[in-house]
Structures are given as C-alpha cells and as structure tokens.
Amino acid sequence: MNISVELTFTPLHDQYRDRIKNFILDLRSGGFTISETPLSTQLYGSYDSLMPFLMKTIKTALGNEEKGIMHLKIYNSDRSSYVSDF
C-alpha cells in the first residue's frame, strides 16, 4: 500500500531553525518522493518502507529536543500528483 505522510516539526525553543533544517535534510536522505512547503513536508512511498524510516527519523529529531511537537498526518494513498482545482 502506498501512503502520503505530512509532517510538521516544531521545536519549542528560540534556536529552532537549524533543528528544523536538519530534520528536513534527514527526510530528504530517505530516497522517497518529497514535497516541502513553509509549514510542512510531505513524503510519499510504500507503507512498509516509509514507516520504519519515519520512526527512526522522528525518534532522532524528538530525541534531540528537550521539548518539541511532531504533527503527523497519514493518508492511505499516494497523493503526490494532487493538483488543486480552485
């Protein structure tokens, strides 16, 4: 099954920019189709390969923070070709 995952990482301190940048660089390294916006990052791929990658990447990002929020949405289809019609 192919999935689409939307992530927003929010470190809760003033030096957040480098932490978010490093998280996005880690997401880019996975070899998945990726789309970035100012507010979130979307990844697209097979559930069986994407989820273990995300578990490791999210654990690393949150483990480096004293306090942080990871907002995650999972869609049960590949929406990488979605184009708004409005």
C-alpha atoms as a PDB file:
ATOM      1  CA  MET A   1       0.000   0.000   0.000  1.00  0.00           C
ATOM      2  CA  ASN A   2       1.300   3.439  -0.921  1.00  0.00           C
ATOM      3  CA  ILE A   3       0.827   6.288   1.539  1.00  0.00           C
ATOM      4  CA  SER A   4       1.255  10.040   1.823  1.00  0.00           C
ATOM      5  CA  VAL A   5       2.611  11.479   5.068  1.00  0.00           C
ATOM      6  CA  GLU A   6       2.534  15.136   6.097  1.00  0.00           C
ATOM      7  CA  LEU A   7       4.880  16.206   8.897  1.00  0.00           C
ATOM      8  CA  THR A   8       5.369  19.415  10.826  1.00  0.00           C
ATOM      9  CA  PHE A   9       8.200  19.538  13.374  1.00  0.00           C
ATOM     10  CA  THR A  10       8.112  22.298  15.989  1.00  0.00           C
ATOM     11  CA  PRO A  11      10.986  22.527  18.497  1.00  0.00           C
ATOM     12  CA  LEU A  12       9.838  24.589  21.479  1.00  0.00           C
ATOM     13  CA  HIS A  13      12.778  26.961  21.908  1.00  0.00           C
ATOM     14  CA  ASP A  14      14.285  30.002  20.186  1.00  0.00           C
ATOM     15  CA  GLN A  15      17.024  28.127  18.265  1.00  0.00           C
ATOM     16  CA  TYR A  16      14.573  26.131  16.160  1.00  0.00           C
ATOM     17  CA  ARG A  17      15.718  26.933  12.595  1.00  0.00           C
ATOM     18  CA  ASP A  18      18.751  24.634  12.463  1.00  0.00           C
ATOM     19  CA  ARG A  19      16.814  21.794  14.116  1.00  0.00           C
ATOM     20  CA  ILE A  20      14.032  22.014  11.540  1.00  0.00           C
ATOM     21  CA  LYS A  21      16.560  22.277   8.708  1.00  0.00           C
ATOM     22  CA  ASN A  22      18.393  19.169   9.956  1.00  0.00           C
ATOM     23  CA  PHE A  23      15.106  17.269  10.212  1.00  0.00           C
ATOM     24  CA  ILE A  24      14.222  18.152   6.610  1.00  0.00           C
ATOM     25  CA  LEU A  25      17.700  17.139   5.436  1.00  0.00           C
ATOM     26  CA  ASP A  26      17.223  13.779   7.171  1.00  0.00           C
ATOM     27  CA  LEU A  27      13.843  13.364   5.434  1.00  0.00           C
ATOM     28  CA  ARG A  28      15.450  14.145   2.067  1.00  0.00           C
ATOM     29  CA  SER A  29      18.038  11.413   2.615  1.00  0.00           C
ATOM     30  CA  GLY A  30      15.414   8.644   2.574  1.00  0.00           C
ATOM     31  CA  GLY A  31      15.061   8.474  -1.191  1.00  0.00           C
ATOM     32  CA  PHE A  32      11.291   8.976  -1.103  1.00  0.00           C
ATOM     33  CA  THR A  33       9.281  11.418  -3.186  1.00  0.00           C
ATOM     34  CA  ILE A  34       9.167  14.600  -1.103  1.00  0.00           C
ATOM     35  CA  SER A  35       7.364  17.937  -1.256  1.00  0.00           C
ATOM     36  CA  GLU A  36       8.243  20.847   1.013  1.00  0.00           C
ATOM     37  CA  THR A  37       6.168  23.879   1.956  1.00  0.00           C
ATOM     38  CA  PRO A  38       6.849  26.616   4.531  1.00  0.00           C
ATOM     39  CA  LEU A  39       4.553  24.863   7.038  1.00  0.00           C
ATOM     40  CA  SER A  40       5.033  21.136   6.410  1.00  0.00           C
ATOM     41  CA  THR A  41       6.853  18.426   4.499  1.00  0.00           C
ATOM     42  CA  GLN A  42       5.114  15.618   2.625  1.00  0.00           C
ATOM     43  CA  LEU A  43       6.626  12.231   1.828  1.00  0.00           C
ATOM     44  CA  TYR A  44       5.192   9.613  -0.496  1.00  0.00           C
ATOM     45  CA  GLY A  45       6.016   5.933  -0.754  1.00  0.00           C
ATOM     46  CA  SER A  46       5.303   2.383   0.292  1.00  0.00           C
ATOM     47  CA  TYR A  47       3.940   1.995   3.828  1.00  0.00           C
ATOM     48  CA  ASP A  48       6.347  -0.860   4.546  1.00  0.00           C
ATOM     49  CA  SER A  49       9.436   1.176   3.687  1.00  0.00           C
ATOM     50  CA  LEU A  50       8.322   4.688   4.644  1.00  0.00           C
ATOM     51  CA  MET A  51       7.063   3.982   8.168  1.00  0.00           C
ATOM     52  CA  PRO A  52      10.293   2.380   9.529  1.00  0.00           C
ATOM     53  CA  PHE A  53      12.268   5.285   8.033  1.00  0.00           C
ATOM     54  CA  LEU A  54       9.940   7.816   9.691  1.00  0.00           C
ATOM     55  CA  MET A  55      10.047   6.041  13.050  1.00  0.00           C
ATOM     56  CA  LYS A  56      13.844   6.344  13.095  1.00  0.00           C
ATOM     57  CA  THR A  57      13.922   9.915  11.760  1.00  0.00           C
ATOM     58  CA  ILE A  58      11.216  11.195  14.122  1.00  0.00           C
ATOM     59  CA  LYS A  59      12.839   9.494  17.120  1.00  0.00           C
ATOM     60  CA  THR A  60      16.150  11.207  16.304  1.00  0.00           C
ATOM     61  CA  ALA A  61      14.531  14.639  15.866  1.00  0.00           C
ATOM     62  CA  LEU A  62      12.488  14.455  19.079  1.00  0.00           C
ATOM     63  CA  GLY A  63      15.356  12.850  20.993  1.00  0.00           C
ATOM     64  CA  ASN A  64      17.498  15.914  20.298  1.00  0.00           C
ATOM     65  CA  GLU A  65      14.937  18.249  21.867  1.00  0.00           C
ATOM     66  CA  GLU A  66      14.033  18.917  25.470  1.00  0.00           C
ATOM     67  CA  LYS A  67      10.551  19.871  24.258  1.00  0.00           C
ATOM     68  CA  GLY A  68       9.079  19.605  20.792  1.00  0.00           C
ATOM     69  CA  ILE A  69       5.972  18.749  18.811  1.00  0.00           C
ATOM     70  CA  MET A  70       5.700  16.438  15.801  1.00  0.00           C
ATOM     71  CA  HIS A  71       2.413  16.773  13.940  1.00  0.00           C
ATOM     72  CA  LEU A  72       1.804  13.860  11.572  1.00  0.00           C
ATOM     73  CA  LYS A  73      -0.937  13.010   9.076  1.00  0.00           C
ATOM     74  CA  ILE A  74      -1.052   9.745   7.154  1.00  0.00           C
ATOM     75  CA  TYR A  75      -3.196   9.250   4.058  1.00  0.00           C
ATOM     76  CA  ASN A  76      -3.787   5.742   2.753  1.00  0.00           C
ATOM     77  CA  SER A  77      -2.994   6.645  -0.852  1.00  0.00           C
ATOM     78  CA  ASP A  78      -0.229   8.302  -2.837  1.00  0.00           C
ATOM     79  CA  ARG A  79      -1.324  11.922  -3.285  1.00  0.00           C
ATOM     80  CA  SER A  80       1.942  13.129  -4.814  1.00  0.00           C
ATOM     81  CA  SER A  81       0.244  14.016  -8.090  1.00  0.00           C
ATOM     82  CA  TYR A  82      -2.570  16.020  -6.426  1.00  0.00           C
ATOM     83  CA  VAL A  83      -3.220  19.394  -8.053  1.00  0.00           C
ATOM     84  CA  SER A  84      -5.669  21.868  -6.595  1.00  0.00           C
ATOM     85  CA  ASP A  85      -8.582  22.680  -8.898  1.00  0.00           C
ATOM     86  CA  PHE A  86      -9.585  26.030  -7.417  1.00  0.00           C
END
